Structure formats: C-alpha cells, structure tokens
Amino acid sequence: MTVSLIAGIIWVLAGSVTAKLPMRHQVAPGLALIATAPVLLGWIAWDHGWIWLVLGLAAFVSMMRHPLRYLLARMRGEAPGMPAEMRR
C-alpha cells in the first residue's frame, strides 16, 4: 500500500471523527479536510491513475455533500440557512 493511499485512509478517518463532533465544532476541521482533499486526490491520481481519482472524488463528494452544497450556494450569492445548533 502506498503512502498516498495511507494518507487517504487517514483523511477518511479524520472525516468520520469530524462528523461525530457537535455541529459548532465541525467547521474548522471540515474546512481543513476540504482544503486538503484536492492535493490528496491529485497525489492518489499521480500514484494510481484516473480510476482511483474518480473513486476518491466520489468518496469526497459523498462525505462532504452538505458543506459543498453550502459553499456553492454562498458562491452563487444565496444566503443558505444555518442549522439551529450553529446559530448559538
């Protein structure tokens, strides 16, 4: 197993731990995970090819669908609602 796949596994585990945190504590680690994902996916693609890139991208979108939906709405100029737990 290559270092890039081990890093990918660690990224998935970190995402799972982040998901277990209370909503108000998920922002910083979630943004860090979103920021590191393109580099990690590129590294995996470099080592293993485009098929693994597609599989990794599918996993990324599956894990980060709600934050990505929120960020896309913000980029379009919309004001998406925040969960009640985040408004405190």
Protein backbone atom coordinates (compact mmCIF):
# COMPACT_ATOMS: atom_id res chain seq x y z
CA MET A 1 0.00 0.00 0.00
CA THR A 2 1.41 3.36 -0.99
CA VAL A 3 1.82 6.40 1.21
CA SER A 4 -0.84 8.26 -0.79
CA LEU A 5 -3.46 5.58 -0.05
CA ILE A 6 -2.49 5.53 3.63
CA ALA A 7 -2.92 9.32 3.69
CA GLY A 8 -6.32 8.87 2.02
CA ILE A 9 -7.38 6.38 4.68
CA ILE A 10 -6.28 8.80 7.40
CA TRP A 11 -8.27 11.56 5.67
CA VAL A 12 -11.42 9.39 5.66
CA LEU A 13 -10.95 8.52 9.34
CA ALA A 14 -10.45 12.20 10.19
CA GLY A 15 -13.66 12.99 8.30
CA SER A 16 -15.52 10.35 10.26
CA VAL A 17 -14.25 11.73 13.57
CA THR A 18 -15.19 15.26 12.47
CA ALA A 19 -18.72 14.10 11.65
CA LYS A 20 -19.13 12.81 15.21
CA LEU A 21 -18.33 16.24 16.70
CA PRO A 22 -21.11 18.66 17.63
CA MET A 23 -22.08 20.83 14.65
CA ARG A 24 -20.49 24.00 16.04
CA HIS A 25 -17.12 22.21 16.38
CA GLN A 26 -17.11 20.77 12.85
CA VAL A 27 -16.32 23.98 10.96
CA ALA A 28 -12.53 24.23 11.37
CA PRO A 29 -11.69 20.55 10.83
CA GLY A 30 -14.21 20.37 7.98
CA LEU A 31 -12.60 23.30 6.19
CA ALA A 32 -9.17 21.73 6.69
CA LEU A 33 -10.44 18.47 5.18
CA ILE A 34 -11.98 20.31 2.22
CA ALA A 35 -8.75 22.27 1.66
CA THR A 36 -6.51 19.18 1.73
CA ALA A 37 -8.74 16.99 -0.45
CA PRO A 38 -7.62 18.29 -3.89
CA VAL A 39 -3.95 17.78 -3.04
CA LEU A 40 -4.62 14.32 -1.67
CA LEU A 41 -6.76 13.33 -4.66
CA GLY A 42 -4.07 14.59 -7.04
CA TRP A 43 -1.43 12.59 -5.18
CA ILE A 44 -3.54 9.43 -5.33
CA ALA A 45 -4.21 10.01 -9.05
CA TRP A 46 -0.50 10.52 -9.69
CA ASP A 47 0.38 7.24 -7.97
CA HIS A 48 -2.54 5.07 -9.11
CA GLY A 49 -4.27 6.61 -12.13
CA TRP A 50 -7.52 8.30 -13.03
CA ILE A 51 -9.82 5.46 -11.93
CA TRP A 52 -8.68 5.92 -8.32
CA LEU A 53 -9.12 9.66 -8.76
CA VAL A 54 -12.76 9.13 -9.76
CA LEU A 55 -13.36 6.78 -6.83
CA GLY A 56 -11.71 9.22 -4.42
CA LEU A 57 -13.70 12.12 -5.83
CA ALA A 58 -16.93 10.15 -5.38
CA ALA A 59 -16.00 9.43 -1.76
CA PHE A 60 -15.12 13.10 -1.19
CA VAL A 61 -18.41 14.37 -2.61
CA SER A 62 -20.33 11.76 -0.62
CA MET A 63 -18.67 12.72 2.66
CA MET A 64 -18.75 16.49 2.11
CA ARG A 65 -22.08 16.90 0.28
CA HIS A 66 -23.65 19.29 2.81
CA PRO A 67 -20.63 21.62 3.22
CA LEU A 68 -20.12 21.64 -0.55
CA ARG A 69 -23.79 22.47 -1.12
CA TYR A 70 -23.49 25.34 1.39
CA LEU A 71 -20.29 26.68 -0.23
CA LEU A 72 -21.83 26.51 -3.72
CA ALA A 73 -24.89 28.43 -2.51
CA ARG A 74 -22.64 31.09 -0.97
CA MET A 75 -20.66 31.40 -4.24
CA ARG A 76 -23.93 31.93 -6.14
CA GLY A 77 -24.76 34.81 -3.79
CA GLU A 78 -27.53 33.00 -1.96
CA ALA A 79 -27.94 33.10 1.81
CA PRO A 80 -28.39 29.46 2.82
CA GLY A 81 -29.89 28.82 6.22
CA MET A 82 -27.73 27.68 9.09
CA PRO A 83 -28.74 24.81 11.36
CA ALA A 84 -30.17 25.95 14.69
CA GLU A 85 -27.21 24.43 16.51
CA MET A 86 -24.81 26.72 14.62
CA ARG A 87 -26.72 29.93 15.43
CA ARG A 88 -25.87 29.90 19.14
